[in-house]
C-alpha atoms as a PDB file:
ATOM      1  CA  UNK A   1     116.041  79.371  78.090  1.00  0.00           C
ATOM      2  CA  UNK A   2     112.284  79.303  77.562  1.00  0.00           C
ATOM      3  CA  UNK A   3     110.403  82.362  78.702  1.00  0.00           C
ATOM      4  CA  UNK A   4     106.728  82.594  79.479  1.00  0.00           C
ATOM      5  CA  UNK A   5     105.249  84.789  76.755  1.00  0.00           C
ATOM      6  CA  UNK A   6     102.082  86.805  76.728  1.00  0.00           C
ATOM      7  CA  UNK A   7      99.267  85.404  74.629  1.00  0.00           C
ATOM      8  CA  UNK A   8      96.974  87.403  72.338  1.00  0.00           C
ATOM      9  CA  UNK A   9      94.415  87.557  75.128  1.00  0.00           C
ATOM     10  CA  UNK A  10      96.977  89.195  77.369  1.00  0.00           C
ATOM     11  CA  UNK A  11      97.210  86.256  79.750  1.00  0.00           C
ATOM     12  CA  UNK A  12     100.419  84.692  80.971  1.00  0.00           C
ATOM     13  CA  UNK A  13     100.879  81.285  82.593  1.00  0.00           C
ATOM     14  CA  UNK A  14     103.115  83.033  85.146  1.00  0.00           C
ATOM     15  CA  UNK A  15     100.919  86.098  85.565  1.00  0.00           C
ATOM     16  CA  UNK A  16      99.838  85.119  89.075  1.00  0.00           C
ATOM     17  CA  UNK A  17     103.451  85.514  90.210  1.00  0.00           C
ATOM     18  CA  UNK A  18     103.279  89.185  89.208  1.00  0.00           C
ATOM     19  CA  UNK A  19      99.810  90.095  90.461  1.00  0.00           C
ATOM     20  CA  UNK A  20     100.938  91.548  93.787  1.00  0.00           C
ATOM     21  CA  UNK A  21     103.926  93.479  92.435  1.00  0.00           C
ATOM     22  CA  UNK A  22     101.842  94.911  89.599  1.00  0.00           C
ATOM     23  CA  UNK A  23      99.250  96.094  92.113  1.00  0.00           C
ATOM     24  CA  UNK A  24     101.929  97.625  94.323  1.00  0.00           C
ATOM     25  CA  UNK A  25     103.366  99.506  91.361  1.00  0.00           C
ATOM     26  CA  UNK A  26     100.001 101.215  90.888  1.00  0.00           C
ATOM     27  CA  UNK A  27     100.322 102.348  94.503  1.00  0.00           C
ATOM     28  CA  UNK A  28     103.566 104.136  93.690  1.00  0.00           C
ATOM     29  CA  UNK A  29     106.230 101.543  94.507  1.00  0.00           C
ATOM     30  CA  UNK A  30     108.775 101.282  91.708  1.00  0.00           C
ATOM     31  CA  UNK A  31     111.703  99.348  93.174  1.00  0.00           C
ATOM     32  CA  UNK A  32     110.417  96.197  94.870  1.00  0.00           C
ATOM     33  CA  UNK A  33     112.543  93.304  96.082  1.00  0.00           C
ATOM     34  CA  UNK A  34     111.506  89.840  97.155  1.00  0.00           C
ATOM     35  CA  UNK A  35     113.227  88.343 100.192  1.00  0.00           C
ATOM     36  CA  UNK A  36     113.365  84.755 101.421  1.00  0.00           C
ATOM     37  CA  UNK A  37     115.590  82.503 103.494  1.00  0.00           C
ATOM     38  CA  UNK A  38     116.845  78.950 103.515  1.00  0.00           C
ATOM     39  CA  UNK A  39     117.985  77.007 106.541  1.00  0.00           C
ATOM     40  CA  UNK A  40     115.836  78.057 109.487  1.00  0.00           C
ATOM     41  CA  UNK A  41     115.094  74.481 110.480  1.00  0.00           C
ATOM     42  CA  UNK A  42     118.343  72.498 110.185  1.00  0.00           C
ATOM     43  CA  UNK A  43     120.382  71.264 113.117  1.00  0.00           C
ATOM     44  CA  UNK A  44     123.602  72.529 111.564  1.00  0.00           C
ATOM     45  CA  UNK A  45     124.978  75.286 109.384  1.00  0.00           C
ATOM     46  CA  UNK A  46     124.112  78.955 108.901  1.00  0.00           C
ATOM     47  CA  UNK A  47     120.871  80.478 107.702  1.00  0.00           C
ATOM     48  CA  UNK A  48     121.008  82.078 104.259  1.00  0.00           C
ATOM     49  CA  UNK A  49     118.838  84.856 102.834  1.00  0.00           C
ATOM     50  CA  UNK A  50     118.498  86.445  99.412  1.00  0.00           C
ATOM     51  CA  UNK A  51     116.924  89.651  98.150  1.00  0.00           C
ATOM     52  CA  UNK A  52     116.025  89.904  94.447  1.00  0.00           C
ATOM     53  CA  UNK A  53     114.741  92.661  92.168  1.00  0.00           C
ATOM     54  CA  UNK A  54     113.427  91.284  88.871  1.00  0.00           C
ATOM     55  CA  UNK A  55     112.590  93.024  85.596  1.00  0.00           C
ATOM     56  CA  UNK A  56     108.852  93.608  85.532  1.00  0.00           C
ATOM     57  CA  UNK A  57     107.044  90.602  84.075  1.00  0.00           C
ATOM     58  CA  UNK A  58     110.113  88.350  83.848  1.00  0.00           C
ATOM     59  CA  UNK A  59     109.181  84.797  84.731  1.00  0.00           C
ATOM     60  CA  UNK A  60     111.282  81.853  83.567  1.00  0.00           C
ATOM     61  CA  UNK A  61     109.733  78.474  83.073  1.00  0.00           C
ATOM     62  CA  UNK A  62     109.336  76.509  86.320  1.00  0.00           C
ATOM     63  CA  UNK A  63     109.915  79.508  88.624  1.00  0.00           C
ATOM     64  CA  UNK A  64     108.380  78.506  91.946  1.00  0.00           C
ATOM     65  CA  UNK A  65     109.008  77.995  95.645  1.00  0.00           C
ATOM     66  CA  UNK A  66     112.425  76.340  95.835  1.00  0.00           C
ATOM     67  CA  UNK A  67     111.031  73.571  98.079  1.00  0.00           C
ATOM     68  CA  UNK A  68     108.722  72.491  95.249  1.00  0.00           C
ATOM     69  CA  UNK A  69     111.568  72.171  92.760  1.00  0.00           C
ATOM     70  CA  UNK A  70     114.101  69.413  92.321  1.00  0.00           C
ATOM     71  CA  UNK A  71     117.748  70.139  92.995  1.00  0.00           C
ATOM     72  CA  UNK A  72     118.379  69.937  89.242  1.00  0.00           C
ATOM     73  CA  UNK A  73     115.669  72.523  88.496  1.00  0.00           C
ATOM     74  CA  UNK A  74     117.011  74.861  91.182  1.00  0.00           C
ATOM     75  CA  UNK A  75     120.528  74.598  89.776  1.00  0.00           C
ATOM     76  CA  UNK A  76     119.217  75.388  86.279  1.00  0.00           C
ATOM     77  CA  UNK A  77     117.242  78.406  87.465  1.00  0.00           C
ATOM     78  CA  UNK A  78     120.027  79.825  89.639  1.00  0.00           C
ATOM     79  CA  UNK A  79     122.194  81.219  86.779  1.00  0.00           C
ATOM     80  CA  UNK A  80     119.102  82.440  84.922  1.00  0.00           C
ATOM     81  CA  UNK A  81     118.092  84.507  87.941  1.00  0.00           C
ATOM     82  CA  UNK A  82     121.653  85.790  88.368  1.00  0.00           C
ATOM     83  CA  UNK A  83     121.769  86.830  84.702  1.00  0.00           C
ATOM     84  CA  UNK A  84     118.361  88.474  84.403  1.00  0.00           C
ATOM     85  CA  UNK A  85     117.778  90.008  87.839  1.00  0.00           C
ATOM     86  CA  UNK A  86     118.108  93.782  87.958  1.00  0.00           C
ATOM     87  CA  UNK A  87     119.837  93.283  91.289  1.00  0.00           C
ATOM     88  CA  UNK A  88     120.267  90.660  93.975  1.00  0.00           C
ATOM     89  CA  UNK A  89     122.026  90.140  97.284  1.00  0.00           C
ATOM     90  CA  UNK A  90     122.812  86.948  99.201  1.00  0.00           C
ATOM     91  CA  UNK A  91     123.976  86.814 102.816  1.00  0.00           C
ATOM     92  CA  UNK A  92     124.325  84.526 105.831  1.00  0.00           C
ATOM     93  CA  UNK A  93     123.871  84.627 109.573  1.00  0.00           C
ATOM     94  CA  UNK A  94     126.354  82.319 111.248  1.00  0.00           C
ATOM     95  CA  UNK A  95     125.776  79.464 113.653  1.00  0.00           C
ATOM     96  CA  UNK A  96     127.294  81.640 116.391  1.00  0.00           C
ATOM     97  CA  UNK A  97     124.781  84.395 115.622  1.00  0.00           C
ATOM     98  CA  UNK A  98     121.915  81.894 115.613  1.00  0.00           C
ATOM     99  CA  UNK A  99     123.002  80.629 119.021  1.00  0.00           C
ATOM    100  CA  UNK A 100     123.453  84.141 120.433  1.00  0.00           C
ATOM    101  CA  UNK A 101     120.273  85.808 119.215  1.00  0.00           C
ATOM    102  CA  UNK A 102     117.939  82.871 118.299  1.00  0.00           C
ATOM    103  CA  UNK A 103     117.036  81.658 114.822  1.00  0.00           C
ATOM    104  CA  UNK A 104     114.279  84.203 114.134  1.00  0.00           C
ATOM    105  CA  UNK A 105     116.432  87.232 114.847  1.00  0.00           C
ATOM    106  CA  UNK A 106     119.346  85.662 112.982  1.00  0.00           C
ATOM    107  CA  UNK A 107     117.066  85.146 109.983  1.00  0.00           C
ATOM    108  CA  UNK A 108     116.153  88.829 109.970  1.00  0.00           C
ATOM    109  CA  UNK A 109     119.841  89.666 110.281  1.00  0.00           C
ATOM    110  CA  UNK A 110     120.614  87.603 107.177  1.00  0.00           C
ATOM    111  CA  UNK A 111     117.690  89.218 105.333  1.00  0.00           C
ATOM    112  CA  UNK A 112     118.874  92.727 106.208  1.00  0.00           C
ATOM    113  CA  UNK A 113     122.384  91.840 105.075  1.00  0.00           C
ATOM    114  CA  UNK A 114     121.025  90.552 101.758  1.00  0.00           C
ATOM    115  CA  UNK A 115     119.021  93.761 101.259  1.00  0.00           C
ATOM    116  CA  UNK A 116     122.106  95.820 102.150  1.00  0.00           C
ATOM    117  CA  UNK A 117     123.969  94.116  99.307  1.00  0.00           C
ATOM    118  CA  UNK A 118     121.548  95.504  96.735  1.00  0.00           C
ATOM    119  CA  UNK A 119     123.015  98.402  94.769  1.00  0.00           C
ATOM    120  CA  UNK A 120     119.869 100.464  95.348  1.00  0.00           C
ATOM    121  CA  UNK A 121     117.683 100.612  98.426  1.00  0.00           C
ATOM    122  CA  UNK A 122     114.263  99.205  97.514  1.00  0.00           C
ATOM    123  CA  UNK A 123     111.062 101.173  98.025  1.00  0.00           C
ATOM    124  CA  UNK A 124     109.526  98.020  99.458  1.00  0.00           C
ATOM    125  CA  UNK A 125     110.686  94.557 100.468  1.00  0.00           C
ATOM    126  CA  UNK A 126     108.244  91.665 100.204  1.00  0.00           C
ATOM    127  CA  UNK A 127     109.115  89.189 102.943  1.00  0.00           C
ATOM    128  CA  UNK A 128     108.099  85.558 102.720  1.00  0.00           C
ATOM    129  CA  UNK A 129     106.191  84.562 105.855  1.00  0.00           C
ATOM    130  CA  UNK A 130     104.178  86.339 108.529  1.00  0.00           C
ATOM    131  CA  UNK A 131     106.847  88.369 110.335  1.00  0.00           C
ATOM    132  CA  UNK A 132     108.847  91.388 109.234  1.00  0.00           C
ATOM    133  CA  UNK A 133     109.272  93.395 112.429  1.00  0.00           C
ATOM    134  CA  UNK A 134     113.073  93.642 112.247  1.00  0.00           C
ATOM    135  CA  UNK A 135     113.412  94.446 108.538  1.00  0.00           C
ATOM    136  CA  UNK A 136     115.114  97.834 108.215  1.00  0.00           C
ATOM    137  CA  UNK A 137     113.447  98.980 104.991  1.00  0.00           C
ATOM    138  CA  UNK A 138     109.707  99.405 104.336  1.00  0.00           C
ATOM    139  CA  UNK A 139     108.327  95.893 104.007  1.00  0.00           C
ATOM    140  CA  UNK A 140     105.231  93.719 103.819  1.00  0.00           C
ATOM    141  CA  UNK A 141     104.736  90.074 104.705  1.00  0.00           C
ATOM    142  CA  UNK A 142     103.461  87.638 102.105  1.00  0.00           C
ATOM    143  CA  UNK A 143     102.449  84.300 103.595  1.00  0.00           C
ATOM    144  CA  UNK A 144     103.452  81.579 101.145  1.00  0.00           C
ATOM    145  CA  UNK A 145     105.132  84.293  99.088  1.00  0.00           C
ATOM    146  CA  UNK A 146     107.702  81.949  97.576  1.00  0.00           C
ATOM    147  CA  UNK A 147     104.858  80.405  95.581  1.00  0.00           C
ATOM    148  CA  UNK A 148     102.957  83.645  94.930  1.00  0.00           C
ATOM    149  CA  UNK A 149     105.497  86.358  94.038  1.00  0.00           C
ATOM    150  CA  UNK A 150     108.133  86.001  91.324  1.00  0.00           C
ATOM    151  CA  UNK A 151     110.845  87.936  93.159  1.00  0.00           C
ATOM    152  CA  UNK A 152     110.323  85.960  96.380  1.00  0.00           C
ATOM    153  CA  UNK A 153     110.403  82.690  94.445  1.00  0.00           C
ATOM    154  CA  UNK A 154     113.670  83.809  92.857  1.00  0.00           C
ATOM    155  CA  UNK A 155     115.062  84.745  96.267  1.00  0.00           C
ATOM    156  CA  UNK A 156     114.100  81.344  97.658  1.00  0.00           C
ATOM    157  CA  UNK A 157     116.071  79.633  94.888  1.00  0.00           C
ATOM    158  CA  UNK A 158     119.173  81.798  95.319  1.00  0.00           C
ATOM    159  CA  UNK A 159     119.147  81.254  99.088  1.00  0.00           C
ATOM    160  CA  UNK A 160     118.510  77.507  98.885  1.00  0.00           C
ATOM    161  CA  UNK A 161     121.136  76.782  96.222  1.00  0.00           C
ATOM    162  CA  UNK A 162     123.738  78.973  97.941  1.00  0.00           C
ATOM    163  CA  UNK A 163     123.210  77.300 101.293  1.00  0.00           C
ATOM    164  CA  UNK A 164     123.169  73.790  99.812  1.00  0.00           C
ATOM    165  CA  UNK A 165     126.468  74.480  98.051  1.00  0.00           C
ATOM    166  CA  UNK A 166     127.991  75.654 101.323  1.00  0.00           C
ATOM    167  CA  UNK A 167     126.802  72.527 103.154  1.00  0.00           C
ATOM    168  CA  UNK A 168     128.277  70.385 100.381  1.00  0.00           C
ATOM    169  CA  UNK A 169     131.600  72.143 100.939  1.00  0.00           C
ATOM    170  CA  UNK A 170     131.339  71.691 104.714  1.00  0.00           C
ATOM    171  CA  UNK A 171     130.667  67.974 104.233  1.00  0.00           C
ATOM    172  CA  UNK A 172     134.276  67.649 103.110  1.00  0.00           C
ATOM    173  CA  UNK A 173     135.420  69.150 106.407  1.00  0.00           C
ATOM    174  CA  UNK A 174     133.046  67.032 108.506  1.00  0.00           C
ATOM    175  CA  UNK A 175     132.485  63.892 106.375  1.00  0.00           C
ATOM    176  CA  UNK A 176     131.095  61.720 109.172  1.00  0.00           C
ATOM    177  CA  UNK A 177     127.791  63.651 109.361  1.00  0.00           C
ATOM    178  CA  UNK A 178     126.588  63.293 105.758  1.00  0.00           C
ATOM    179  CA  UNK A 179     125.896  66.994 105.225  1.00  0.00           C
ATOM    180  CA  UNK A 180     126.097  66.468 101.460  1.00  0.00           C
ATOM    181  CA  UNK A 181     122.904  64.407 101.681  1.00  0.00           C
ATOM    182  CA  UNK A 182     120.671  66.132 104.242  1.00  0.00           C
ATOM    183  CA  UNK A 183     122.238  69.650 104.256  1.00  0.00           C
ATOM    184  CA  UNK A 184     122.068  69.733 108.048  1.00  0.00           C
ATOM    185  CA  UNK A 185     118.382  68.863 108.459  1.00  0.00           C
ATOM    186  CA  UNK A 186     117.274  66.462 111.145  1.00  0.00           C
ATOM    187  CA  UNK A 187     117.131  63.150 109.315  1.00  0.00           C
ATOM    188  CA  UNK A 188     117.506  59.848 111.128  1.00  0.00           C
ATOM    189  CA  UNK A 189     120.974  59.397 109.655  1.00  0.00           C
ATOM    190  CA  UNK A 190     121.976  62.840 110.898  1.00  0.00           C
ATOM    191  CA  UNK A 191     120.699  62.199 114.431  1.00  0.00           C
ATOM    192  CA  UNK A 192     122.469  58.845 114.449  1.00  0.00           C
ATOM    193  CA  UNK A 193     125.739  60.508 113.428  1.00  0.00           C
ATOM    194  CA  UNK A 194     125.400  63.119 116.180  1.00  0.00           C
ATOM    195  CA  UNK A 195     124.815  60.389 118.762  1.00  0.00           C
ATOM    196  CA  UNK A 196     127.853  58.483 117.492  1.00  0.00           C
ATOM    197  CA  UNK A 197     130.323  61.343 117.015  1.00  0.00           C
ATOM    198  CA  UNK A 198     128.849  64.161 119.094  1.00  0.00           C
ATOM    199  CA  UNK A 199     128.162  67.624 117.671  1.00  0.00           C
ATOM    200  CA  UNK A 200     130.723  69.405 115.509  1.00  0.00           C
ATOM    201  CA  UNK A 201     131.491  73.154 115.411  1.00  0.00           C
ATOM    202  CA  UNK A 202     128.751  73.915 112.877  1.00  0.00           C
ATOM    203  CA  UNK A 203     125.957  72.274 114.862  1.00  0.00           C
ATOM    204  CA  UNK A 204     123.380  74.521 116.509  1.00  0.00           C
ATOM    205  CA  UNK A 205     123.574  73.283 120.069  1.00  0.00           C
ATOM    206  CA  UNK A 206     120.316  74.980 121.027  1.00  0.00           C
ATOM    207  CA  UNK A 207     118.590  72.816 118.407  1.00  0.00           C
ATOM    208  CA  UNK A 208     120.022  69.646 119.961  1.00  0.00           C
ATOM    209  CA  UNK A 209     118.871  70.128 123.552  1.00  0.00           C
ATOM    210  CA  UNK A 210     115.772  67.995 123.104  1.00  0.00           C
ATOM    211  CA  UNK A 211     117.719  65.014 121.726  1.00  0.00           C
ATOM    212  CA  UNK A 212     117.412  61.858 123.702  1.00  0.00           C
ATOM    213  CA  UNK A 213     120.787  60.458 124.839  1.00  0.00           C
END
C-alpha cells in the first residue's frame, strides 16, 4: 500500500484531510471519530453507518468521499482502513425502523449504534452533513465532511462497501429487482421491476408512495 508521506517542506498531499482534526486536537480533543452513512436515499434496504478513529496523520492514497471513488477503489481501501484504524464500528438501521421513525431518525440510530461499537467512547464525533441533534456523544457537523476529513472519508467507505455487500447478498433472495446493480436506488430499471412485481419485504413503502401506477 502506498502512503502519503510528508515532504521536506512539511506539506502532505493529504494534509487538508487532517486540518480540522489537527485543529481540534489543539483544543483538547484527543479521541475523535468520523461518522458517515450510506443508504439514506434508496427505495430498498437498510441504512448503514460507520464510525472510524484513525491514527493521526494516516491517509492512504485515494482516500476520499466514497461517492467519488469507483467500486474497485472502495473495495481496495476497505481492508486498509480496517487494518490501520485505531477503532471502527459499523451498524445498520432496518427497513422496519426507517418506516417507523423516518429515514433521518433511523440514520441517527445507525450512527449511534456504530459509535457504540467503538471500544472507547470518543471525545468528539464529527458527523458528515448539517444535522447532529440526536447523536448521543459530543459532536459537530461537517458539511461535505466525507471529502474534507480523513476519518469521515474512511467512515463513508466502510458504510458504503458494507451496505453494497449486503444488497448484493439480498439480490440473491430477490433476484427480480436487480439489487446487485443499483443497490436499491431509484433507477428506471428498479422502478420498472417494482411496477411489474410489486414491492418486496425490503422495500421502504414510504419511499414508494409517490410512484405513479
